[in-house]
Protein backbone atom coordinates (compact mmCIF):
# COMPACT_ATOMS: atom_id res chain seq x y z
CA MET A 1 -18.43 29.00 -8.92
CA LYS A 2 -21.48 31.19 -8.35
CA SER A 3 -23.16 28.42 -6.36
CA LEU A 4 -19.95 27.90 -4.38
CA ARG A 5 -19.79 31.58 -3.46
CA ARG A 6 -23.37 31.40 -2.27
CA MET A 7 -22.55 28.38 -0.13
CA ILE A 8 -19.55 30.17 1.42
CA GLY A 9 -21.91 32.93 2.53
CA PHE A 10 -23.58 30.47 4.90
CA PHE A 11 -20.24 30.04 6.72
CA THR A 12 -19.97 33.75 7.61
CA PRO A 13 -21.93 33.59 10.91
CA TYR A 14 -19.66 30.75 12.06
CA LYS A 15 -16.28 32.09 10.96
CA THR A 16 -14.98 32.37 14.55
CA HIS A 17 -15.66 28.69 15.23
CA ALA A 18 -14.20 27.79 11.83
CA ILE A 19 -10.96 29.68 12.55
CA LEU A 20 -10.67 28.03 15.98
CA ALA A 21 -11.20 24.62 14.38
CA LEU A 22 -8.38 25.28 11.89
CA ILE A 23 -6.02 26.49 14.63
CA LEU A 24 -6.68 23.37 16.68
CA LEU A 25 -6.13 21.28 13.55
CA VAL A 26 -2.68 22.80 13.12
CA GLY A 27 -1.98 21.84 16.73
CA VAL A 28 -3.03 18.25 16.02
CA VAL A 29 -0.67 18.01 13.05
CA VAL A 30 2.27 19.54 14.94
CA ALA A 31 1.77 17.24 17.94
CA ASP A 32 1.45 14.14 15.76
CA LEU A 33 4.52 15.01 13.69
CA ALA A 34 6.57 15.49 16.87
CA ILE A 35 6.07 11.85 17.89
CA PRO A 36 8.24 10.28 15.10
CA ARG A 37 11.07 12.68 15.88
CA LEU A 38 10.83 11.85 19.60
CA THR A 39 10.86 8.15 18.70
CA GLN A 40 14.10 8.73 16.82
CA ARG A 41 15.57 10.39 19.90
CA VAL A 42 14.55 7.48 22.15
CA ILE A 43 16.28 4.95 19.89
CA ASP A 44 19.42 6.87 18.90
CA GLU A 45 20.13 8.77 22.11
CA GLY A 46 18.42 6.54 24.69
CA VAL A 47 18.46 2.88 23.69
CA ALA A 48 21.69 2.96 21.66
CA ARG A 49 23.59 4.76 24.46
CA GLN A 50 21.71 2.98 27.27
CA ASP A 51 20.72 6.34 28.74
CA MET A 52 17.63 5.70 30.87
CA GLY A 53 17.18 9.40 31.63
CA VAL A 54 16.77 10.25 27.93
CA ILE A 55 14.32 7.36 27.49
CA VAL A 56 12.13 8.43 30.41
CA THR A 57 12.21 12.13 29.51
CA THR A 58 11.47 11.54 25.85
CA SER A 59 8.72 9.04 26.66
CA LEU A 60 7.03 11.64 28.86
CA LEU A 61 7.31 14.15 26.03
CA MET A 62 5.73 11.64 23.66
CA LEU A 63 2.92 11.05 26.15
CA GLY A 64 2.37 14.80 26.42
CA ALA A 65 2.33 15.17 22.62
CA ALA A 66 -0.22 12.36 22.34
CA LEU A 67 -2.45 13.94 24.99
CA LEU A 68 -2.21 17.35 23.33
CA SER A 69 -3.06 15.79 19.97
CA ALA A 70 -6.13 14.11 21.50
CA LEU A 71 -7.30 17.33 23.19
CA PHE A 72 -6.75 19.39 20.04
CA ALA A 73 -8.59 16.76 17.98
CA ILE A 74 -11.57 16.81 20.36
CA GLY A 75 -11.72 20.62 20.21
CA ASN A 76 -11.40 20.60 16.43
CA THR A 77 -14.23 18.06 16.15
CA LEU A 78 -16.50 20.07 18.45
CA PHE A 79 -16.01 23.34 16.57
CA SER A 80 -16.19 21.74 13.10
CA VAL A 81 -19.43 19.95 14.02
CA ARG A 82 -20.91 23.22 15.31
CA VAL A 83 -20.04 24.94 12.04
CA ALA A 84 -21.35 22.08 9.88
CA MET A 85 -24.61 21.74 11.80
CA GLY A 86 -25.19 25.50 11.82
CA VAL A 87 -24.55 25.78 8.09
CA SER A 88 -26.88 22.86 7.30
CA ALA A 89 -29.64 24.28 9.54
CA ASP A 90 -29.39 27.72 7.91
CA LEU A 91 -29.33 26.14 4.46
CA ARG A 92 -32.48 24.09 5.14
CA SER A 93 -34.26 27.18 6.44
CA ALA A 94 -33.24 29.19 3.38
CA LEU A 95 -34.36 26.35 1.13
CA VAL A 96 -37.80 26.15 2.74
CA ARG A 97 -38.25 29.92 2.57
CA LYS A 98 -37.28 29.86 -1.11
CA VAL A 99 -39.77 27.07 -1.88
CA GLN A 100 -42.51 29.01 -0.10
CA SER A 101 -41.87 31.94 -2.44
CA PHE A 102 -42.35 29.84 -5.59
CA SER A 103 -45.38 30.47 -7.76
CA PHE A 104 -47.97 27.77 -8.37
CA GLY A 105 -46.53 27.34 -11.86
CA ASN A 106 -43.08 26.64 -10.44
CA LEU A 107 -44.48 24.18 -7.93
CA ASP A 108 -46.35 22.36 -10.70
CA ARG A 109 -43.19 22.13 -12.81
CA ILE A 110 -40.72 21.14 -10.06
CA GLN A 111 -41.12 17.59 -8.86
CA THR A 112 -41.79 17.07 -5.17
CA GLY A 113 -39.21 14.30 -5.02
CA GLN A 114 -36.50 16.68 -6.17
CA LEU A 115 -37.40 19.21 -3.48
CA LEU A 116 -37.26 16.47 -0.86
CA VAL A 117 -33.81 15.38 -2.01
CA ARG A 118 -32.56 18.98 -2.05
CA ALA A 119 -33.79 19.52 1.52
CA THR A 120 -32.48 16.22 2.90
CA SER A 121 -29.76 14.37 1.01
CA ASP A 122 -28.12 17.41 -0.63
CA VAL A 123 -28.13 19.45 2.58
CA ASN A 124 -26.63 16.50 4.44
CA MET A 125 -23.92 16.29 1.79
CA VAL A 126 -23.12 19.99 2.24
CA GLN A 127 -22.99 19.40 5.99
CA LEU A 128 -20.54 16.53 5.50
CA ILE A 129 -18.35 18.61 3.18
CA ALA A 130 -18.34 21.51 5.65
CA GLN A 131 -17.23 19.23 8.46
CA MET A 132 -14.61 17.47 6.32
CA SER A 133 -13.23 20.80 5.12
CA LEU A 134 -12.41 21.75 8.71
CA ARG A 135 -10.94 18.34 9.51
CA LEU A 136 -9.91 15.90 6.80
CA LEU A 137 -9.52 18.05 3.68
CA THR A 138 -7.49 20.70 5.51
CA ARG A 139 -5.47 18.21 7.50
CA ALA A 140 -4.30 16.35 4.38
CA PRO A 141 -2.20 19.20 2.90
CA LEU A 142 -0.90 20.14 6.36
CA TRP A 143 0.17 16.54 6.89
CA MET A 144 1.72 16.43 3.44
CA ILE A 145 3.82 19.55 4.00
CA GLY A 146 4.78 18.70 7.58
CA SER A 147 5.70 15.08 6.87
CA MET A 148 7.79 16.01 3.84
CA VAL A 149 9.69 18.58 5.95
CA MET A 150 10.22 15.89 8.60
CA LEU A 151 11.49 13.45 5.98
CA PHE A 152 13.91 16.00 4.53
CA THR A 153 15.28 16.88 7.97
CA THR A 154 15.58 13.17 8.85
CA SER A 155 17.09 11.92 5.60
CA THR A 156 17.32 13.62 2.22
CA GLN A 157 17.88 10.29 0.48
CA LEU A 158 14.76 8.64 1.87
CA SER A 159 12.69 11.76 1.26
CA LEU A 160 13.42 11.41 -2.46
CA LEU A 161 11.72 8.02 -2.32
CA MET A 162 8.50 9.62 -1.08
CA LEU A 163 8.78 12.44 -3.61
CA ALA A 164 8.87 9.82 -6.36
CA LEU A 165 5.81 8.11 -4.86
CA LEU A 166 3.65 11.21 -4.37
CA PRO A 167 2.91 11.80 -8.10
CA VAL A 168 1.82 8.16 -8.41
CA ILE A 169 -0.52 8.53 -5.42
CA GLY A 170 -1.88 11.80 -6.85
CA CYS A 171 -2.55 10.24 -10.25
CA ILE A 172 -4.34 7.26 -8.71
CA ILE A 173 -6.52 9.47 -6.52
CA GLY A 174 -7.29 11.76 -9.49
CA PHE A 175 -8.20 8.76 -11.64
CA PHE A 176 -10.61 7.37 -9.04
CA LEU A 177 -12.16 10.78 -8.40
CA THR A 178 -12.72 11.25 -12.14
CA ARG A 179 -14.36 7.84 -12.36
CA ALA A 180 -16.42 8.31 -9.19
CA ARG A 181 -17.89 11.76 -9.97
CA PRO A 182 -20.34 10.56 -12.68
CA HIS A 183 -21.48 7.79 -10.35
CA PHE A 184 -22.18 10.24 -7.52
CA LEU A 185 -24.19 12.49 -9.86
CA SER A 186 -26.11 9.46 -11.11
CA VAL A 187 -26.84 8.41 -7.51
CA GLN A 188 -28.45 11.79 -6.85
CA LYS A 189 -30.57 11.50 -10.00
CA LYS A 190 -31.65 7.98 -9.09
CA LEU A 191 -32.51 9.18 -5.59
CA ASP A 192 -34.60 12.01 -7.10
CA TRP A 193 -36.52 9.50 -9.20
CA LEU A 194 -37.03 7.12 -6.27
CA ASN A 195 -38.49 9.90 -4.12
CA GLN A 196 -40.68 11.03 -7.00
CA VAL A 197 -42.10 7.53 -7.50
CA LEU A 198 -42.70 7.18 -3.77
CA GLN A 199 -44.40 10.58 -3.54
CA GLU A 200 -46.68 9.81 -6.48
CA ASN A 201 -47.67 6.45 -4.95
CA LEU A 202 -48.46 7.99 -1.56
CA ALA A 203 -50.35 10.94 -3.00
CA GLY A 204 -52.35 8.81 -5.45
CA VAL A 205 -52.81 5.69 -3.39
CA ARG A 206 -56.61 5.83 -3.75
CA VAL A 207 -56.35 6.13 -7.52
CA VAL A 208 -53.85 3.27 -7.68
CA LYS A 209 -56.16 0.99 -5.71
CA ALA A 210 -59.25 2.10 -7.62
CA PHE A 211 -57.71 1.23 -11.01
CA VAL A 212 -55.99 -1.92 -9.68
CA ARG A 213 -52.49 -0.64 -10.46
CA VAL A 214 -50.83 -1.90 -7.30
CA ASP A 215 -48.63 -4.49 -9.04
CA HIS A 216 -47.62 -1.98 -11.71
CA GLU A 217 -46.62 0.65 -9.13
CA ASN A 218 -44.80 -1.92 -7.02
CA ALA A 219 -42.77 -2.96 -10.07
CA ARG A 220 -42.11 0.70 -10.90
CA PHE A 221 -40.81 1.36 -7.39
CA ASP A 222 -38.70 -1.82 -7.48
CA ARG A 223 -37.03 -0.66 -10.70
CA ALA A 224 -36.22 2.74 -9.23
CA ASN A 225 -34.94 1.14 -6.03
CA SER A 226 -32.81 -1.37 -7.93
CA ASP A 227 -31.31 1.37 -10.11
CA LEU A 228 -30.34 3.37 -7.01
CA MET A 229 -28.84 0.27 -5.40
CA ALA A 230 -26.80 -0.52 -8.52
CA GLU A 231 -25.34 3.01 -8.66
CA ASN A 232 -24.42 2.93 -4.98
CA ILE A 233 -22.76 -0.45 -5.43
CA GLY A 234 -20.73 0.99 -8.32
CA VAL A 235 -19.47 3.82 -6.11
CA MET A 236 -18.60 1.45 -3.28
CA GLN A 237 -16.75 -0.84 -5.69
CA LEU A 238 -14.53 2.06 -6.77
CA ILE A 239 -13.79 2.92 -3.15
CA ALA A 240 -13.13 -0.76 -2.41
CA VAL A 241 -10.44 -0.78 -5.11
CA LEU A 242 -8.95 2.58 -4.08
CA ILE A 243 -8.27 1.68 -0.44
CA PRO A 244 -6.23 -1.52 -1.08
CA THR A 245 -4.35 0.28 -3.86
CA MET A 246 -3.35 3.08 -1.50
CA LEU A 247 -2.39 0.53 1.17
CA LEU A 248 -0.20 -1.29 -1.36
CA LEU A 249 1.63 1.92 -2.31
CA VAL A 250 2.17 2.92 1.32
CA ASN A 251 3.49 -0.54 2.19
CA LEU A 252 5.81 -0.45 -0.82
CA ALA A 253 7.12 2.89 0.45
CA VAL A 254 7.78 1.32 3.87
CA VAL A 255 9.61 -1.58 2.18
CA GLY A 256 11.72 0.93 0.26
CA VAL A 257 12.55 2.86 3.44
CA VAL A 258 13.58 -0.33 5.25
CA TRP A 259 15.64 -1.54 2.28
CA PHE A 260 17.57 1.64 1.52
CA GLY A 261 17.74 2.75 5.14
CA GLY A 262 18.93 -0.69 6.24
CA ASN A 263 21.74 -0.64 3.68
CA LEU A 264 22.81 2.78 4.90
CA ALA A 265 22.61 1.62 8.53
CA VAL A 266 24.89 -1.35 7.75
CA THR A 267 27.53 0.99 6.32
CA GLY A 268 27.21 3.33 9.29
CA ASP A 269 25.77 6.23 7.29
CA PHE A 270 22.36 5.96 8.91
CA LYS A 271 20.94 5.36 12.37
CA VAL A 272 18.20 2.97 13.37
CA GLY A 273 16.21 5.81 14.92
CA GLN A 274 16.23 7.64 11.60
CA ILE A 275 14.81 4.55 9.90
CA MET A 276 12.03 4.28 12.49
CA ALA A 277 11.22 7.98 12.21
CA SER A 278 11.12 7.77 8.42
CA ILE A 279 8.80 4.75 8.54
CA ASN A 280 6.45 6.47 11.00
CA VAL A 281 6.31 9.62 8.89
CA THR A 282 5.79 7.58 5.70
CA VAL A 283 2.89 5.64 7.20
CA ALA A 284 1.49 8.91 8.60
CA GLN A 285 1.22 10.43 5.13
CA PRO A 286 -2.31 11.65 4.23
CA GLY A 287 -2.60 8.84 1.74
CA ALA A 288 -2.37 6.40 4.63
CA ARG A 289 -4.11 8.24 7.45
CA CYS A 290 -6.79 10.26 5.68
CA PHE A 291 -7.71 8.36 2.52
CA LEU A 292 -7.51 5.02 4.29
CA GLY A 293 -9.77 6.07 7.12
CA ARG A 294 -7.19 6.41 9.89
CA GLU A 295 -8.01 10.01 10.53
CA ASN A 296 -9.17 10.36 14.14
């Protein structure tokens, strides 16, 4: 938590841009959530009643909502990138200044490869998290709340189907995150070791050649490189399993909406537009849009 509080301090100079990015993100969510409701209006009040005026008017409103969503998304991306890049630049500068203040004893004890990873890979990771926090990670709960409200206002019965599915999605995501965290930490350690081996080979290249240790050092680097590759493959394999699993759950939810909603539509208790709106909101859940890479 202490490290996290220190990291938050780097966001202070960019708080205005961060607030603007969040406001624009709210606009994106509102505009996107309006489209399923407008689709319901087109079908129930326009197509079903053969009212061309309602169809044209609602279609123009949908076009306006889509354009607003695109403009808000562009603005959110611009401001979030400015914040992320500024934070990463300040963090790299602070890191270099801190290293320059180290004593010779500290510099002898701390491996050069570790310092390189801290200044490159770790800073880039912080930059990615900063950008995602103002886009993906904040949008997910907003989408979750907004889409559940839309489902409840569209159909209480179908919303219960999603409520039953959300704990399953949460458990699956939590399981994969728990499994992936050790792999990510191991990747950073393997990257530290790879940089350390590379730095030692470059710094002592004359010694390596003088004592005919080229083959030994090549094998040493190959082992470090292979270990890093294996850890990265393990992480990607987890992600490769997570995405189809989430797709399967979302598609099962759509099947459930079509099944139960279709039965209600046959008895006259439900409208076709409500089914379409429920399907659109279900597919637009964060589990489908954000975790499956459909976030714009």
